[in-house]
C-alpha atoms as a PDB file:
ATOM      1  CA  UNK A   1       0.001   0.004  -0.004  1.00  0.00           C
ATOM      2  CA  UNK A   2       1.732   3.032  -1.198  1.00  0.00           C
ATOM      3  CA  UNK A   3       1.403   6.405   0.505  1.00  0.00           C
ATOM      4  CA  UNK A   4       0.042   5.054   3.825  1.00  0.00           C
ATOM      5  CA  UNK A   5       2.143   4.537   6.897  1.00  0.00           C
ATOM      6  CA  UNK A   6       0.984   1.855   9.323  1.00  0.00           C
ATOM      7  CA  UNK A   7       2.176   1.869  12.913  1.00  0.00           C
ATOM      8  CA  UNK A   8       1.786  -1.247  15.042  1.00  0.00           C
ATOM      9  CA  UNK A   9       1.673  -0.987  18.850  1.00  0.00           C
ATOM     10  CA  UNK A  10       2.645  -3.613  21.315  1.00  0.00           C
ATOM     11  CA  UNK A  11      -0.379  -3.222  23.566  1.00  0.00           C
ATOM     12  CA  UNK A  12       1.638  -2.385  26.675  1.00  0.00           C
ATOM     13  CA  UNK A  13      -1.390  -0.573  28.077  1.00  0.00           C
ATOM     14  CA  UNK A  14      -3.486  -3.635  28.379  1.00  0.00           C
ATOM     15  CA  UNK A  15      -4.756  -6.897  26.862  1.00  0.00           C
ATOM     16  CA  UNK A  16      -7.401  -8.315  24.614  1.00  0.00           C
ATOM     17  CA  UNK A  17      -9.650 -11.141  25.796  1.00  0.00           C
ATOM     18  CA  UNK A  18     -11.610 -13.408  23.463  1.00  0.00           C
ATOM     19  CA  UNK A  19     -14.882 -14.469  25.058  1.00  0.00           C
ATOM     20  CA  UNK A  20     -17.807 -16.642  24.142  1.00  0.00           C
ATOM     21  CA  UNK A  21     -20.968 -15.764  26.028  1.00  0.00           C
ATOM     22  CA  UNK A  22     -23.549 -18.559  26.897  1.00  0.00           C
ATOM     23  CA  UNK A  23     -26.723 -17.695  28.581  1.00  0.00           C
ATOM     24  CA  UNK A  24     -28.088 -20.099  31.186  1.00  0.00           C
ATOM     25  CA  UNK A  25     -29.534 -20.647  34.566  1.00  0.00           C
ATOM     26  CA  UNK A  26     -27.736 -19.979  37.784  1.00  0.00           C
ATOM     27  CA  UNK A  27     -25.179 -17.394  38.710  1.00  0.00           C
ATOM     28  CA  UNK A  28     -22.815 -15.916  36.053  1.00  0.00           C
ATOM     29  CA  UNK A  29     -19.334 -17.476  35.979  1.00  0.00           C
ATOM     30  CA  UNK A  30     -16.255 -18.365  33.926  1.00  0.00           C
ATOM     31  CA  UNK A  31     -17.006 -21.785  32.487  1.00  0.00           C
ATOM     32  CA  UNK A  32     -13.912 -22.943  30.706  1.00  0.00           C
ATOM     33  CA  UNK A  33     -10.988 -21.876  28.441  1.00  0.00           C
ATOM     34  CA  UNK A  34     -11.004 -23.290  24.991  1.00  0.00           C
ATOM     35  CA  UNK A  35      -7.923 -24.532  23.082  1.00  0.00           C
ATOM     36  CA  UNK A  36      -7.632 -21.243  21.171  1.00  0.00           C
ATOM     37  CA  UNK A  37      -7.631 -19.220  24.404  1.00  0.00           C
ATOM     38  CA  UNK A  38     -11.324 -18.116  24.173  1.00  0.00           C
ATOM     39  CA  UNK A  39     -12.860 -17.807  27.655  1.00  0.00           C
ATOM     40  CA  UNK A  40     -16.378 -19.155  27.858  1.00  0.00           C
ATOM     41  CA  UNK A  41     -18.503 -17.042  30.277  1.00  0.00           C
ATOM     42  CA  UNK A  42     -21.889 -18.289  31.339  1.00  0.00           C
ATOM     43  CA  UNK A  43     -24.191 -15.353  32.080  1.00  0.00           C
ATOM     44  CA  UNK A  44     -27.441 -15.715  33.990  1.00  0.00           C
ATOM     45  CA  UNK A  45     -30.277 -15.639  31.457  1.00  0.00           C
ATOM     46  CA  UNK A  46     -32.444 -12.633  32.368  1.00  0.00           C
ATOM     47  CA  UNK A  47     -33.804  -9.508  30.823  1.00  0.00           C
ATOM     48  CA  UNK A  48     -31.398  -6.698  30.015  1.00  0.00           C
ATOM     49  CA  UNK A  49     -28.488  -5.867  27.779  1.00  0.00           C
ATOM     50  CA  UNK A  50     -26.147  -8.874  27.606  1.00  0.00           C
ATOM     51  CA  UNK A  51     -23.136  -6.704  26.742  1.00  0.00           C
ATOM     52  CA  UNK A  52     -23.703  -4.434  29.749  1.00  0.00           C
ATOM     53  CA  UNK A  53     -24.119  -7.533  31.985  1.00  0.00           C
ATOM     54  CA  UNK A  54     -20.885  -8.951  30.516  1.00  0.00           C
ATOM     55  CA  UNK A  55     -19.009  -5.790  31.328  1.00  0.00           C
ATOM     56  CA  UNK A  56     -20.439  -5.687  34.847  1.00  0.00           C
ATOM     57  CA  UNK A  57     -19.369  -9.348  35.370  1.00  0.00           C
ATOM     58  CA  UNK A  58     -15.857  -8.812  34.047  1.00  0.00           C
ATOM     59  CA  UNK A  59     -15.468  -5.609  36.039  1.00  0.00           C
ATOM     60  CA  UNK A  60     -16.450  -7.404  39.286  1.00  0.00           C
ATOM     61  CA  UNK A  61     -14.444 -10.655  38.649  1.00  0.00           C
ATOM     62  CA  UNK A  62     -11.329  -8.926  37.416  1.00  0.00           C
ATOM     63  CA  UNK A  63     -11.546  -6.060  39.975  1.00  0.00           C
ATOM     64  CA  UNK A  64     -11.192  -3.427  37.401  1.00  0.00           C
ATOM     65  CA  UNK A  65     -13.306  -0.304  36.643  1.00  0.00           C
ATOM     66  CA  UNK A  66     -15.935  -0.705  33.870  1.00  0.00           C
ATOM     67  CA  UNK A  67     -14.336   2.221  32.047  1.00  0.00           C
ATOM     68  CA  UNK A  68     -11.277   0.067  31.511  1.00  0.00           C
ATOM     69  CA  UNK A  69     -13.333  -2.587  29.577  1.00  0.00           C
ATOM     70  CA  UNK A  70     -14.655  -2.230  26.046  1.00  0.00           C
ATOM     71  CA  UNK A  71     -16.228  -4.664  23.596  1.00  0.00           C
ATOM     72  CA  UNK A  72     -14.208  -4.016  20.428  1.00  0.00           C
ATOM     73  CA  UNK A  73     -15.731  -6.764  18.345  1.00  0.00           C
ATOM     74  CA  UNK A  74     -18.761  -9.002  18.371  1.00  0.00           C
ATOM     75  CA  UNK A  75     -21.294  -6.708  20.019  1.00  0.00           C
ATOM     76  CA  UNK A  76     -24.194  -8.512  18.322  1.00  0.00           C
ATOM     77  CA  UNK A  77     -22.959 -12.068  18.707  1.00  0.00           C
ATOM     78  CA  UNK A  78     -21.856 -14.574  21.274  1.00  0.00           C
ATOM     79  CA  UNK A  79     -18.141 -14.352  20.351  1.00  0.00           C
ATOM     80  CA  UNK A  80     -16.659 -11.081  21.555  1.00  0.00           C
ATOM     81  CA  UNK A  81     -13.288  -9.390  21.768  1.00  0.00           C
ATOM     82  CA  UNK A  82     -12.832  -7.402  24.961  1.00  0.00           C
ATOM     83  CA  UNK A  83     -10.190  -4.661  25.413  1.00  0.00           C
ATOM     84  CA  UNK A  84      -8.878  -4.458  28.940  1.00  0.00           C
ATOM     85  CA  UNK A  85      -6.822  -1.367  29.742  1.00  0.00           C
ATOM     86  CA  UNK A  86      -4.228  -1.094  32.499  1.00  0.00           C
ATOM     87  CA  UNK A  87      -4.050  -4.825  33.227  1.00  0.00           C
ATOM     88  CA  UNK A  88      -1.463  -7.253  32.059  1.00  0.00           C
ATOM     89  CA  UNK A  89      -2.421 -10.531  30.396  1.00  0.00           C
ATOM     90  CA  UNK A  90      -0.793 -12.629  33.111  1.00  0.00           C
ATOM     91  CA  UNK A  91      -2.909 -10.811  35.763  1.00  0.00           C
ATOM     92  CA  UNK A  92      -6.085 -11.498  33.719  1.00  0.00           C
ATOM     93  CA  UNK A  93      -5.229 -15.166  33.262  1.00  0.00           C
ATOM     94  CA  UNK A  94      -4.513 -15.586  36.977  1.00  0.00           C
ATOM     95  CA  UNK A  95      -7.760 -14.035  38.042  1.00  0.00           C
ATOM     96  CA  UNK A  96      -9.768 -16.023  35.544  1.00  0.00           C
ATOM     97  CA  UNK A  97      -8.085 -19.354  36.431  1.00  0.00           C
ATOM     98  CA  UNK A  98      -8.631 -18.661  40.207  1.00  0.00           C
ATOM     99  CA  UNK A  99     -12.384 -18.317  39.529  1.00  0.00           C
ATOM    100  CA  UNK A 100     -12.763 -21.363  37.357  1.00  0.00           C
ATOM    101  CA  UNK A 101     -14.826 -24.276  38.694  1.00  0.00           C
END
C-alpha cells in the first residue's frame, strides 16, 4: 500500500480477551477456556442488555473499573473481543483461572 504509513503498537497498556457468552440458569461464572484461548463465560439468563451485563461481570471478577473494559468486536453475537486497559495478560489469566470451577 503506497502512501500510507501503518504503525503497530505492542499493547503495553492492556490486553485483549476473546470470550464466548453462553446464557443459562444460575449465577454468572467463568465456564472454561477453549484450546484457542477463548474464555467461555456463562451469564445468567435474564432481561437486560447482555453486553452491559458482561462488562459488569468482568469488572467485578477482574476487579477493574468498567471504564477500562470495552467490547471492540462481536457486540451483536456470542463471540466477543474485549479490550482491557491497565491490566497485564498474566494478571487477567491468573484471576480467571482462580475463579474457574
